Amino acid sequence: MSIFIVDGYTCTKKIEAVRGLHPEVVVVYRPAVAKARIELGMISSSGSVDRVFQFENELLANHVIAVGDTKLTPTLAGQLVPALRGKLLDLVLGYAGSDEEEADVKN
């Protein structure tokens, strides 16, 4: 683990199933740099729900390598179960950690 996000760096996270919402999935993703948080905040403050939704879909499609065996597209990102979608956004934007980080903390 590094304090810098370099191009090509990927993380993995097993997201536990939530009964009645979504099955367990393993996610491979590339963390976004801080600029993505700033952009999302600015777009969110504009009041355009459609633009926020579009930005998030593109962010997920560009940063999530795989959800299970599926490569996300902007269209598929828009169809994710909301609870799972939120978890993926938290991972990509750095609000939640990967499994690698948890293992490092234990060591």
N, C-alpha and C. Protein backbone atom coordinates (compact mmCIF):
# COMPACT_ATOMS: atom_id res chain seq x y z
N MET A 1 0.85 -1.17 0.00
CA MET A 1 0.00 0.00 0.00
C MET A 1 0.90 1.24 0.00
N SER A 2 0.45 2.25 -0.72
CA SER A 2 1.20 3.48 -0.85
C SER A 2 0.34 4.67 -0.44
N ILE A 3 0.97 5.78 -0.16
CA ILE A 3 0.21 7.00 0.13
C ILE A 3 -0.15 7.74 -1.15
N PHE A 4 0.34 7.23 -2.30
CA PHE A 4 0.04 7.84 -3.59
C PHE A 4 -0.76 6.87 -4.46
N ILE A 5 -1.66 7.43 -5.25
CA ILE A 5 -2.42 6.63 -6.20
C ILE A 5 -1.72 6.75 -7.53
N VAL A 6 -1.18 5.64 -8.00
CA VAL A 6 -0.49 5.63 -9.28
C VAL A 6 -1.33 4.90 -10.31
N ASP A 7 -1.20 5.30 -11.56
CA ASP A 7 -1.97 4.70 -12.62
C ASP A 7 -1.72 3.19 -12.68
N GLY A 8 -2.76 2.42 -12.78
CA GLY A 8 -2.64 0.98 -12.86
C GLY A 8 -2.78 0.28 -11.52
N TYR A 9 -2.75 1.00 -10.41
CA TYR A 9 -2.90 0.42 -9.08
C TYR A 9 -4.33 -0.07 -8.90
N THR A 10 -4.50 -1.31 -8.49
CA THR A 10 -5.85 -1.85 -8.26
C THR A 10 -5.98 -2.39 -6.85
N CYS A 11 -7.21 -2.41 -6.38
CA CYS A 11 -7.54 -2.94 -5.06
C CYS A 11 -8.68 -3.95 -5.23
N THR A 12 -8.83 -4.79 -4.23
CA THR A 12 -9.90 -5.79 -4.23
C THR A 12 -10.66 -5.70 -2.92
N LYS A 13 -11.96 -5.88 -3.01
CA LYS A 13 -12.80 -5.87 -1.81
C LYS A 13 -13.92 -6.89 -1.98
N LYS A 14 -14.08 -7.75 -0.98
CA LYS A 14 -15.23 -8.66 -0.96
C LYS A 14 -16.33 -7.94 -0.19
N ILE A 15 -17.42 -7.70 -0.87
CA ILE A 15 -18.57 -7.05 -0.24
C ILE A 15 -19.55 -8.13 0.15
N GLU A 16 -19.79 -8.22 1.43
CA GLU A 16 -20.69 -9.25 1.95
C GLU A 16 -22.11 -9.06 1.43
N ALA A 17 -22.81 -10.15 1.31
CA ALA A 17 -24.22 -10.12 0.88
C ALA A 17 -25.05 -9.38 1.91
N VAL A 18 -26.06 -8.71 1.44
CA VAL A 18 -27.05 -8.10 2.32
C VAL A 18 -28.38 -8.73 1.94
N ARG A 19 -28.89 -9.52 2.85
CA ARG A 19 -30.10 -10.29 2.58
C ARG A 19 -31.22 -9.37 2.08
N GLY A 20 -31.79 -9.75 0.97
CA GLY A 20 -32.89 -8.99 0.38
C GLY A 20 -32.45 -7.82 -0.48
N LEU A 21 -31.13 -7.54 -0.50
CA LEU A 21 -30.65 -6.42 -1.31
C LEU A 21 -29.70 -6.83 -2.42
N HIS A 22 -28.63 -7.57 -2.06
CA HIS A 22 -27.68 -7.99 -3.08
C HIS A 22 -26.86 -9.17 -2.57
N PRO A 23 -26.34 -9.98 -3.51
CA PRO A 23 -25.49 -11.11 -3.13
C PRO A 23 -24.08 -10.62 -2.80
N GLU A 24 -23.27 -11.53 -2.26
CA GLU A 24 -21.86 -11.24 -2.04
C GLU A 24 -21.18 -11.05 -3.39
N VAL A 25 -20.31 -10.06 -3.48
CA VAL A 25 -19.55 -9.84 -4.71
C VAL A 25 -18.12 -9.45 -4.37
N VAL A 26 -17.22 -9.82 -5.26
CA VAL A 26 -15.84 -9.38 -5.16
C VAL A 26 -15.65 -8.27 -6.19
N VAL A 27 -15.10 -7.16 -5.75
CA VAL A 27 -14.92 -5.99 -6.60
C VAL A 27 -13.43 -5.71 -6.77
N VAL A 28 -13.02 -5.53 -8.01
CA VAL A 28 -11.66 -5.09 -8.31
C VAL A 28 -11.80 -3.69 -8.89
N TYR A 29 -11.05 -2.75 -8.32
CA TYR A 29 -11.23 -1.36 -8.73
C TYR A 29 -9.92 -0.58 -8.65
N ARG A 30 -9.92 0.55 -9.32
CA ARG A 30 -8.81 1.50 -9.27
C ARG A 30 -9.29 2.70 -8.47
N PRO A 31 -8.60 3.06 -7.40
CA PRO A 31 -9.02 4.24 -6.63
C PRO A 31 -8.93 5.51 -7.48
N ALA A 32 -9.87 6.40 -7.28
CA ALA A 32 -9.85 7.70 -7.95
C ALA A 32 -8.98 8.67 -7.15
N VAL A 33 -8.44 9.66 -7.83
CA VAL A 33 -7.69 10.70 -7.13
C VAL A 33 -8.68 11.73 -6.58
N ALA A 34 -8.19 12.61 -5.73
CA ALA A 34 -9.03 13.58 -5.02
C ALA A 34 -9.86 14.45 -5.95
N LYS A 35 -9.39 14.67 -7.16
CA LYS A 35 -10.12 15.51 -8.12
C LYS A 35 -11.54 14.98 -8.34
N ALA A 36 -11.72 13.67 -8.33
CA ALA A 36 -13.05 13.09 -8.53
C ALA A 36 -14.01 13.50 -7.42
N ARG A 37 -13.52 13.54 -6.18
CA ARG A 37 -14.36 13.99 -5.06
C ARG A 37 -14.79 15.44 -5.25
N ILE A 38 -13.84 16.26 -5.67
CA ILE A 38 -14.12 17.68 -5.87
C ILE A 38 -15.13 17.86 -7.00
N GLU A 39 -14.92 17.15 -8.10
CA GLU A 39 -15.84 17.24 -9.23
C GLU A 39 -17.25 16.81 -8.83
N LEU A 40 -17.36 15.70 -8.11
CA LEU A 40 -18.67 15.23 -7.69
C LEU A 40 -19.34 16.26 -6.78
N GLY A 41 -18.58 16.84 -5.88
CA GLY A 41 -19.13 17.87 -5.00
C GLY A 41 -19.63 19.08 -5.77
N MET A 42 -18.88 19.51 -6.75
CA MET A 42 -19.29 20.66 -7.55
C MET A 42 -20.52 20.34 -8.39
N ILE A 43 -20.54 19.16 -8.99
CA ILE A 43 -21.69 18.75 -9.79
C ILE A 43 -22.91 18.60 -8.90
N SER A 44 -22.72 18.04 -7.71
CA SER A 44 -23.84 17.85 -6.77
C SER A 44 -24.43 19.19 -6.34
N SER A 45 -23.58 20.18 -6.16
CA SER A 45 -24.07 21.49 -5.72
C SER A 45 -24.80 22.25 -6.83
N SER A 46 -24.67 21.77 -8.07
CA SER A 46 -25.36 22.42 -9.18
C SER A 46 -26.85 22.12 -9.19
N GLY A 47 -27.23 21.06 -8.47
CA GLY A 47 -28.65 20.72 -8.37
C GLY A 47 -29.17 19.84 -9.49
N SER A 48 -28.31 19.35 -10.38
CA SER A 48 -28.74 18.52 -11.49
C SER A 48 -28.60 17.04 -11.14
N VAL A 49 -29.71 16.41 -10.81
CA VAL A 49 -29.70 14.99 -10.47
C VAL A 49 -29.18 14.16 -11.64
N ASP A 50 -29.62 14.49 -12.84
CA ASP A 50 -29.19 13.73 -14.01
C ASP A 50 -27.69 13.83 -14.22
N ARG A 51 -27.11 15.00 -14.00
CA ARG A 51 -25.67 15.18 -14.19
C ARG A 51 -24.89 14.42 -13.12
N VAL A 52 -25.37 14.43 -11.88
CA VAL A 52 -24.71 13.67 -10.81
C VAL A 52 -24.76 12.17 -11.14
N PHE A 53 -25.92 11.70 -11.55
CA PHE A 53 -26.10 10.29 -11.89
C PHE A 53 -25.17 9.91 -13.04
N GLN A 54 -25.08 10.73 -14.05
CA GLN A 54 -24.22 10.47 -15.20
C GLN A 54 -22.75 10.44 -14.77
N PHE A 55 -22.33 11.43 -13.96
CA PHE A 55 -20.95 11.48 -13.50
C PHE A 55 -20.61 10.22 -12.70
N GLU A 56 -21.49 9.84 -11.77
CA GLU A 56 -21.23 8.64 -10.95
C GLU A 56 -21.16 7.40 -11.82
N ASN A 57 -22.05 7.27 -12.80
CA ASN A 57 -22.02 6.10 -13.70
C ASN A 57 -20.70 6.02 -14.45
N GLU A 58 -20.24 7.16 -14.96
CA GLU A 58 -18.97 7.19 -15.70
C GLU A 58 -17.80 6.92 -14.77
N LEU A 59 -17.85 7.46 -13.56
CA LEU A 59 -16.79 7.22 -12.58
C LEU A 59 -16.68 5.73 -12.27
N LEU A 60 -17.81 5.09 -12.00
CA LEU A 60 -17.80 3.66 -11.71
C LEU A 60 -17.31 2.86 -12.91
N ALA A 61 -17.79 3.18 -14.10
CA ALA A 61 -17.38 2.45 -15.30
C ALA A 61 -15.88 2.59 -15.55
N ASN A 62 -15.32 3.75 -15.24
CA ASN A 62 -13.90 3.99 -15.47
C ASN A 62 -13.00 3.42 -14.38
N HIS A 63 -13.52 3.21 -13.18
CA HIS A 63 -12.67 2.79 -12.07
C HIS A 63 -12.93 1.37 -11.56
N VAL A 64 -14.10 0.82 -11.81
CA VAL A 64 -14.37 -0.54 -11.37
C VAL A 64 -13.96 -1.49 -12.50
N ILE A 65 -12.96 -2.29 -12.22
CA ILE A 65 -12.47 -3.25 -13.21
C ILE A 65 -13.47 -4.37 -13.37
N ALA A 66 -13.98 -4.88 -12.25
CA ALA A 66 -14.97 -5.97 -12.31
C ALA A 66 -15.77 -6.01 -11.02
N VAL A 67 -17.04 -6.32 -11.18
CA VAL A 67 -17.94 -6.64 -10.06
C VAL A 67 -18.32 -8.09 -10.31
N GLY A 68 -17.76 -8.98 -9.51
CA GLY A 68 -17.91 -10.40 -9.82
C GLY A 68 -17.21 -10.65 -11.15
N ASP A 69 -17.94 -11.16 -12.11
CA ASP A 69 -17.38 -11.43 -13.43
C ASP A 69 -17.79 -10.38 -14.46
N THR A 70 -18.36 -9.28 -14.01
CA THR A 70 -18.91 -8.29 -14.92
C THR A 70 -18.08 -7.02 -14.96
N LYS A 71 -17.78 -6.55 -16.17
CA LYS A 71 -17.14 -5.25 -16.37
C LYS A 71 -18.25 -4.22 -16.46
N LEU A 72 -18.18 -3.19 -15.63
CA LEU A 72 -19.23 -2.17 -15.64
C LEU A 72 -19.11 -1.26 -16.84
N THR A 73 -20.26 -0.90 -17.38
CA THR A 73 -20.39 0.17 -18.36
C THR A 73 -21.18 1.27 -17.65
N PRO A 74 -21.23 2.47 -18.20
CA PRO A 74 -22.08 3.49 -17.57
C PRO A 74 -23.54 3.05 -17.44
N THR A 75 -24.04 2.33 -18.43
CA THR A 75 -25.43 1.85 -18.37
C THR A 75 -25.62 0.85 -17.24
N LEU A 76 -24.71 -0.12 -17.13
CA LEU A 76 -24.81 -1.11 -16.05
C LEU A 76 -24.63 -0.47 -14.68
N ALA A 77 -23.74 0.51 -14.59
CA ALA A 77 -23.54 1.20 -13.32
C ALA A 77 -24.84 1.85 -12.86
N GLY A 78 -25.61 2.37 -13.80
CA GLY A 78 -26.88 3.00 -13.48
C GLY A 78 -27.95 2.02 -13.05
N GLN A 79 -27.72 0.74 -13.31
CA GLN A 79 -28.69 -0.30 -12.96
C GLN A 79 -28.33 -1.05 -11.69
N LEU A 80 -27.22 -0.70 -11.06
CA LEU A 80 -26.81 -1.38 -9.83
C LEU A 80 -27.83 -1.16 -8.71
N VAL A 81 -27.96 -2.15 -7.86
CA VAL A 81 -28.78 -2.01 -6.66
C VAL A 81 -28.21 -0.82 -5.87
N PRO A 82 -29.05 0.14 -5.45
CA PRO A 82 -28.54 1.35 -4.81
C PRO A 82 -27.59 1.11 -3.63
N ALA A 83 -27.88 0.12 -2.79
CA ALA A 83 -27.00 -0.14 -1.63
C ALA A 83 -25.61 -0.56 -2.10
N LEU A 84 -25.54 -1.40 -3.11
CA LEU A 84 -24.25 -1.85 -3.64
C LEU A 84 -23.56 -0.71 -4.38
N ARG A 85 -24.32 0.05 -5.14
CA ARG A 85 -23.78 1.21 -5.87
C ARG A 85 -23.08 2.18 -4.90
N GLY A 86 -23.73 2.46 -3.78
CA GLY A 86 -23.14 3.34 -2.79
C GLY A 86 -21.84 2.80 -2.24
N LYS A 87 -21.78 1.50 -2.01
CA LYS A 87 -20.55 0.88 -1.51
C LYS A 87 -19.43 0.98 -2.54
N LEU A 88 -19.76 0.81 -3.80
CA LEU A 88 -18.75 0.91 -4.86
C LEU A 88 -18.22 2.34 -4.97
N LEU A 89 -19.12 3.30 -4.90
CA LEU A 89 -18.69 4.69 -4.94
C LEU A 89 -17.78 5.01 -3.76
N ASP A 90 -18.13 4.52 -2.57
CA ASP A 90 -17.28 4.74 -1.39
C ASP A 90 -15.88 4.15 -1.58
N LEU A 91 -15.80 2.97 -2.21
CA LEU A 91 -14.50 2.36 -2.47
C LEU A 91 -13.68 3.19 -3.45
N VAL A 92 -14.29 3.52 -4.57
CA VAL A 92 -13.58 4.27 -5.62
C VAL A 92 -13.14 5.64 -5.11
N LEU A 93 -13.99 6.31 -4.35
CA LEU A 93 -13.67 7.66 -3.88
C LEU A 93 -12.83 7.67 -2.60
N GLY A 94 -12.52 6.50 -2.06
CA GLY A 94 -11.64 6.42 -0.90
C GLY A 94 -12.32 6.65 0.43
N TYR A 95 -13.63 6.49 0.50
CA TYR A 95 -14.35 6.61 1.77
C TYR A 95 -14.43 5.26 2.50
N ALA A 96 -14.06 4.19 1.81
CA ALA A 96 -14.03 2.85 2.39
C ALA A 96 -12.76 2.17 1.91
N GLY A 97 -12.24 1.25 2.69
CA GLY A 97 -10.98 0.60 2.35
C GLY A 97 -11.15 -0.74 1.67
N SER A 98 -10.09 -1.16 1.02
CA SER A 98 -10.06 -2.46 0.36
C SER A 98 -9.69 -3.55 1.35
N ASP A 99 -9.77 -4.80 0.90
CA ASP A 99 -9.36 -5.92 1.75
C ASP A 99 -7.86 -5.87 2.04
N GLU A 100 -7.07 -5.40 1.11
CA GLU A 100 -5.62 -5.30 1.30
C GLU A 100 -5.32 -4.39 2.48
N GLU A 101 -6.01 -3.28 2.58
CA GLU A 101 -5.76 -2.34 3.67
C GLU A 101 -6.10 -2.97 5.02
N GLU A 102 -7.21 -3.72 5.06
CA GLU A 102 -7.58 -4.37 6.31
C GLU A 102 -6.53 -5.39 6.72
N ALA A 103 -5.98 -6.12 5.75
CA ALA A 103 -4.96 -7.12 6.06
C ALA A 103 -3.69 -6.44 6.57
N ASP A 104 -3.34 -5.28 5.98
CA ASP A 104 -2.16 -4.56 6.43
C ASP A 104 -2.31 -4.09 7.87
N VAL A 105 -3.51 -3.67 8.25
CA VAL A 105 -3.75 -3.20 9.60
C VAL A 105 -3.55 -4.31 10.60
N LYS A 106 -3.94 -5.53 10.24
CA LYS A 106 -3.81 -6.68 11.14
C LYS A 106 -2.36 -7.07 11.36
N ASN A 107 -1.48 -6.81 10.39
CA ASN A 107 -0.08 -7.23 10.47
C ASN A 107 0.76 -6.27 11.25
